[in-house]
Amino acid sequence: MLVDSHCHLDFADFAEERDAIIQRALDAGVEKMITICTRVKKFDQILALAESYDPLYCSVGTHPNNAHEELDVTADELVRLAQHPKVVAIGEAGLDYHYDYSTPEAQRQGLLTHIEASRRTQLPLVIHARSADEDMAVLLREETAKGAFPFILHCFSSGIELARTGVELGGYVSFSGIITFKNSAEIREAAKIVPHDRLLVETDAPYLAPMPHRGKRNEPSYVAHTAAVLADVIGVSDADIRRMTGENVLRLFTKIPR
């Protein structure tokens, strides 16, 4: 089973042909997709979308670049919204120092709220980490020491040491189309140190289309290209990577029916 563990099918980029996009994914062997929430105030729209398509699931949370907009969102609210059968994860939340849309303080406050919700529900926390390796590693160590919570370092684009830390703390690491880019040797090296039972693949669509579609709008069917490159990097077959990452999804996202 091939799964796109992180996409944004609620985005306007897909509005005119969403049915066709989901069908293309199914035709490519992508059996399930998880569309990720970036603003809790838009959660109702995302949930409605997940309810409209059987292969589609969703998360609930606030992207770090939007953290300043939703500091009033509480862990209690996230826990309540996550009770719906189609909600399989918390987030995405995290630290993004590449942009300055939200202050580091606001991002940290939001992330701690999401960690509490993940710890209470034991639903995986989808973590966005960009240009914040050291702070993210320290925070994950501190918070895991207070009580374990499942998490994914999504769209991994950090240094290899953050991958090591994530794995050491029990986390999963998800690779996007970035791993297919010629200048992403460091990302491919990071993939080699992740245990096979902690690997995921994703598109982060509509962003970061893999080769040979780089520069175009991404979509869930393209996760097959990412999976094929990841298989080559870690030395397994295409069938193995599909089986392996599919099993990992079902182990981590415990609300997705087997």
Protein backbone atom coordinates (compact mmCIF):
# COMPACT_ATOMS: atom_id res chain seq x y z
CA MET A 1 0.00 0.00 0.00
CA LEU A 2 1.28 3.42 -0.96
CA VAL A 3 0.11 6.37 1.17
CA ASP A 4 0.59 10.10 0.71
CA SER A 5 1.06 10.87 4.40
CA HIS A 6 0.98 14.66 3.96
CA CYS A 7 -0.79 16.79 1.38
CA HIS A 8 -3.03 19.88 1.31
CA LEU A 9 -6.00 18.97 -0.86
CA ASP A 10 -8.08 21.77 0.63
CA PHE A 11 -5.87 24.36 -1.08
CA ALA A 12 -7.35 26.38 -3.94
CA ASP A 13 -4.77 24.86 -6.31
CA PHE A 14 -6.92 21.72 -6.47
CA ALA A 15 -10.42 23.18 -6.40
CA GLU A 16 -11.27 22.74 -10.07
CA GLU A 17 -10.25 19.09 -10.45
CA ARG A 18 -10.16 17.52 -7.02
CA ASP A 19 -12.11 14.43 -8.12
CA ALA A 20 -9.68 13.81 -10.97
CA ILE A 21 -6.65 14.33 -8.73
CA ILE A 22 -7.85 11.78 -6.21
CA GLN A 23 -8.66 9.33 -9.00
CA ARG A 24 -5.17 9.76 -10.49
CA ALA A 25 -3.72 8.98 -7.07
CA LEU A 26 -5.77 5.80 -6.80
CA ASP A 27 -4.76 4.81 -10.33
CA ALA A 28 -1.10 5.24 -9.32
CA GLY A 29 -1.58 2.86 -6.39
CA VAL A 30 -1.90 5.55 -3.72
CA GLU A 31 -4.61 3.97 -1.60
CA LYS A 32 -4.86 6.60 1.13
CA MET A 33 -4.09 10.31 1.54
CA ILE A 34 -3.88 12.50 4.64
CA THR A 35 -4.76 16.15 4.06
CA ILE A 36 -3.13 18.33 6.69
CA CYS A 37 -4.68 21.23 8.57
CA THR A 38 -2.78 24.53 8.69
CA ARG A 39 -5.38 26.66 10.48
CA VAL A 40 -7.88 25.40 13.05
CA LYS A 41 -10.31 28.08 11.90
CA LYS A 42 -10.46 26.25 8.55
CA PHE A 43 -10.79 22.80 10.11
CA ASP A 44 -14.48 22.45 9.22
CA GLN A 45 -13.62 22.77 5.51
CA ILE A 46 -10.85 20.20 5.79
CA LEU A 47 -13.02 17.75 7.70
CA ALA A 48 -15.82 18.12 5.15
CA LEU A 49 -13.33 17.29 2.42
CA ALA A 50 -12.10 14.19 4.27
CA GLU A 51 -15.68 13.07 4.79
CA SER A 52 -16.37 13.42 1.05
CA TYR A 53 -13.73 10.91 -0.09
CA ASP A 54 -13.30 7.46 1.40
CA PRO A 55 -9.49 7.28 0.88
CA LEU A 56 -8.95 10.70 2.48
CA TYR A 57 -8.17 11.44 6.14
CA CYS A 58 -7.12 14.66 7.87
CA SER A 59 -5.40 16.29 10.83
CA VAL A 60 -6.25 19.27 13.03
CA GLY A 61 -3.76 21.99 13.91
CA THR A 62 -2.00 25.28 13.19
CA HIS A 63 1.04 25.65 10.92
CA PRO A 64 3.92 27.48 12.65
CA ASN A 65 3.76 30.29 10.11
CA ASN A 66 0.18 30.89 11.28
CA ALA A 67 0.88 30.38 14.99
CA HIS A 68 0.36 34.05 15.90
CA GLU A 69 -3.19 33.89 14.50
CA GLU A 70 -4.33 31.01 16.71
CA LEU A 71 -2.62 31.29 20.07
CA ASP A 72 -6.09 31.10 21.62
CA VAL A 73 -6.48 27.51 20.38
CA THR A 74 -6.18 25.22 23.39
CA ALA A 75 -5.12 21.61 23.76
CA ASP A 76 -8.66 20.88 24.97
CA GLU A 77 -10.05 22.18 21.66
CA LEU A 78 -7.61 20.13 19.61
CA VAL A 79 -8.44 17.01 21.64
CA ARG A 80 -12.15 17.60 21.15
CA LEU A 81 -11.87 18.12 17.38
CA ALA A 82 -9.60 15.08 17.06
CA GLN A 83 -12.35 12.77 18.28
CA HIS A 84 -13.87 12.59 14.79
CA PRO A 85 -13.11 9.23 13.09
CA LYS A 86 -11.56 10.92 10.07
CA VAL A 87 -9.06 12.94 12.15
CA VAL A 88 -5.94 10.80 12.43
CA ALA A 89 -3.26 13.30 13.50
CA ILE A 90 -2.49 16.56 15.31
CA GLY A 91 -0.80 19.41 13.43
CA GLU A 92 1.00 20.47 11.51
CA ALA A 93 2.84 22.53 14.10
CA GLY A 94 6.50 23.28 14.63
CA LEU A 95 9.28 25.80 14.19
CA ASP A 96 10.04 27.64 10.95
CA TYR A 97 12.87 30.16 11.15
CA HIS A 98 13.20 30.42 7.37
CA TYR A 99 10.24 32.80 7.33
CA ASP A 100 9.29 35.37 9.95
CA TYR A 101 5.50 35.26 9.66
CA SER A 102 5.25 34.26 13.34
CA THR A 103 7.76 34.95 16.07
CA PRO A 104 9.79 32.07 17.49
CA GLU A 105 7.96 32.59 20.79
CA ALA A 106 4.53 32.26 19.16
CA GLN A 107 5.64 29.17 17.25
CA ARG A 108 7.01 27.57 20.40
CA GLN A 109 3.81 28.31 22.33
CA GLY A 110 1.71 26.80 19.56
CA LEU A 111 3.93 23.75 19.29
CA LEU A 112 3.73 23.08 23.03
CA THR A 113 -0.07 23.20 22.82
CA HIS A 114 -0.03 20.67 20.00
CA ILE A 115 2.39 18.42 21.88
CA GLU A 116 0.01 18.36 24.83
CA ALA A 117 -2.87 17.39 22.53
CA SER A 118 -0.78 14.66 20.92
CA ARG A 119 0.32 13.32 24.29
CA ARG A 120 -3.28 13.20 25.52
CA THR A 121 -4.77 11.61 22.40
CA GLN A 122 -1.69 9.57 21.39
CA LEU A 123 -2.37 10.70 17.83
CA PRO A 124 0.81 11.46 15.90
CA LEU A 125 1.99 15.07 15.88
CA VAL A 126 2.93 16.26 12.40
CA ILE A 127 6.03 18.42 12.95
CA HIS A 128 7.16 21.14 10.56
CA ALA A 129 10.84 21.95 11.14
CA ARG A 130 12.68 24.38 8.88
CA SER A 131 15.97 26.13 9.68
CA ALA A 132 15.41 25.36 13.36
CA ASP A 133 17.30 22.11 13.93
CA GLU A 134 18.94 22.91 17.26
CA ASP A 135 15.88 24.40 18.93
CA MET A 136 13.67 21.60 17.65
CA ALA A 137 16.01 18.90 18.94
CA VAL A 138 16.20 20.52 22.39
CA LEU A 139 12.42 20.97 22.60
CA LEU A 140 11.71 17.39 21.51
CA ARG A 141 14.11 16.03 24.13
CA GLU A 142 12.60 18.19 26.87
CA GLU A 143 9.01 17.36 26.00
CA THR A 144 9.57 13.64 25.47
CA ALA A 145 11.11 13.50 28.94
CA LYS A 146 7.79 14.80 30.34
CA GLY A 147 5.81 12.05 28.59
CA ALA A 148 6.10 10.32 25.24
CA PHE A 149 4.01 11.32 22.23
CA PRO A 150 4.10 9.95 18.67
CA PHE A 151 5.46 12.32 16.04
CA ILE A 152 6.61 12.71 12.45
CA LEU A 153 9.37 14.99 11.18
CA HIS A 154 7.47 15.76 8.01
CA CYS A 155 8.95 16.82 4.65
CA PHE A 156 12.41 16.25 6.08
CA SER A 157 14.81 18.95 4.96
CA SER A 158 16.98 19.31 8.06
CA GLY A 159 20.43 18.10 8.99
CA ILE A 160 21.16 14.47 9.68
CA GLU A 161 21.49 15.07 13.44
CA LEU A 162 17.84 16.08 13.74
CA ALA A 163 16.90 12.84 12.00
CA ARG A 164 19.02 10.94 14.54
CA THR A 165 17.35 12.78 17.42
CA GLY A 166 13.88 12.14 16.05
CA VAL A 167 14.53 8.43 15.65
CA GLU A 168 16.17 8.18 19.08
CA LEU A 169 13.04 9.69 20.66
CA GLY A 170 10.73 7.27 18.86
CA GLY A 171 9.69 9.51 15.97
CA TYR A 172 9.14 8.81 12.30
CA VAL A 173 10.74 10.68 9.39
CA SER A 174 8.82 11.49 6.22
CA PHE A 175 10.47 12.27 2.90
CA SER A 176 8.99 14.42 0.15
CA GLY A 177 9.93 15.20 -3.42
CA ILE A 178 13.00 17.03 -2.10
CA ILE A 179 14.78 13.67 -1.89
CA THR A 180 14.61 13.43 -5.70
CA PHE A 181 16.36 16.77 -6.31
CA LYS A 182 19.97 16.68 -7.56
CA ASN A 183 21.19 19.04 -4.83
CA SER A 184 19.66 17.01 -1.98
CA ALA A 185 22.52 14.62 -1.24
CA GLU A 186 22.36 15.45 2.49
CA ILE A 187 18.68 14.52 2.61
CA ARG A 188 19.40 11.19 0.92
CA GLU A 189 22.15 10.54 3.47
CA ALA A 190 19.66 11.25 6.26
CA ALA A 191 17.25 8.72 4.76
CA LYS A 192 19.92 6.02 5.04
CA ILE A 193 20.15 6.33 8.83
CA VAL A 194 16.39 6.10 9.47
CA PRO A 195 15.27 2.57 10.46
CA HIS A 196 13.02 1.05 7.81
CA ASP A 197 10.13 0.84 10.25
CA ARG A 198 10.22 4.64 10.77
CA LEU A 199 10.11 5.78 7.13
CA LEU A 200 7.19 7.56 5.49
CA VAL A 201 6.67 9.21 2.11
CA GLU A 202 4.60 12.26 1.26
CA THR A 203 4.05 14.93 -1.37
CA ASP A 204 3.34 18.09 0.68
CA ALA A 205 1.24 18.88 -2.41
CA PRO A 206 0.79 21.35 -4.01
CA TYR A 207 4.45 22.07 -3.15
CA LEU A 208 7.75 20.35 -3.97
CA ALA A 209 6.83 18.16 -6.92
CA PRO A 210 9.43 15.39 -7.34
CA MET A 211 11.49 14.81 -10.43
CA PRO A 212 10.48 14.54 -13.26
CA HIS A 213 7.67 17.00 -12.37
CA ARG A 214 9.80 19.54 -10.49
CA GLY A 215 8.52 23.08 -10.95
CA LYS A 216 4.94 21.96 -11.57
CA ARG A 217 2.05 21.75 -9.14
CA ASN A 218 2.46 18.65 -7.01
CA GLU A 219 -0.33 16.12 -6.40
CA PRO A 220 -0.71 12.85 -4.45
CA SER A 221 -0.12 10.54 -7.42
CA TYR A 222 3.46 11.85 -7.61
CA VAL A 223 4.33 10.26 -4.27
CA ALA A 224 5.11 7.15 -6.34
CA HIS A 225 8.17 8.97 -7.76
CA THR A 226 9.38 9.90 -4.29
CA ALA A 227 8.90 6.34 -3.05
CA ALA A 228 10.88 4.95 -5.98
CA VAL A 229 13.85 7.24 -5.27
CA LEU A 230 13.72 6.47 -1.55
CA ALA A 231 13.75 2.75 -2.38
CA ASP A 232 16.87 3.23 -4.49
CA VAL A 233 18.57 5.30 -1.77
CA ILE A 234 18.08 2.69 0.95
CA GLY A 235 18.59 -0.30 -1.35
CA VAL A 236 15.19 -1.97 -1.45
CA SER A 237 12.73 -2.73 -4.24
CA ASP A 238 9.80 -0.54 -5.22
CA ALA A 239 7.43 -3.22 -3.91
CA ASP A 240 9.31 -3.28 -0.61
CA ILE A 241 9.14 0.49 -0.10
CA ARG A 242 5.40 0.48 -0.75
CA ARG A 243 4.83 -2.38 1.68
CA MET A 244 7.20 -0.93 4.27
CA THR A 245 5.87 2.62 4.29
CA GLY A 246 2.28 1.39 4.10
CA GLU A 247 2.79 -0.75 7.19
CA ASN A 248 4.44 2.18 8.95
CA VAL A 249 1.46 4.42 8.22
CA LEU A 250 -0.98 1.91 9.71
CA ARG A 251 1.21 1.46 12.79
CA LEU A 252 1.55 5.21 13.38
CA PHE A 253 -1.85 6.51 12.30
CA THR A 254 -3.79 4.12 14.47
CA LYS A 255 -7.23 5.49 13.50
CA ILE A 256 -6.84 4.58 9.84
CA PRO A 257 -8.69 1.26 9.37
CA ARG A 258 -6.63 -1.70 8.26
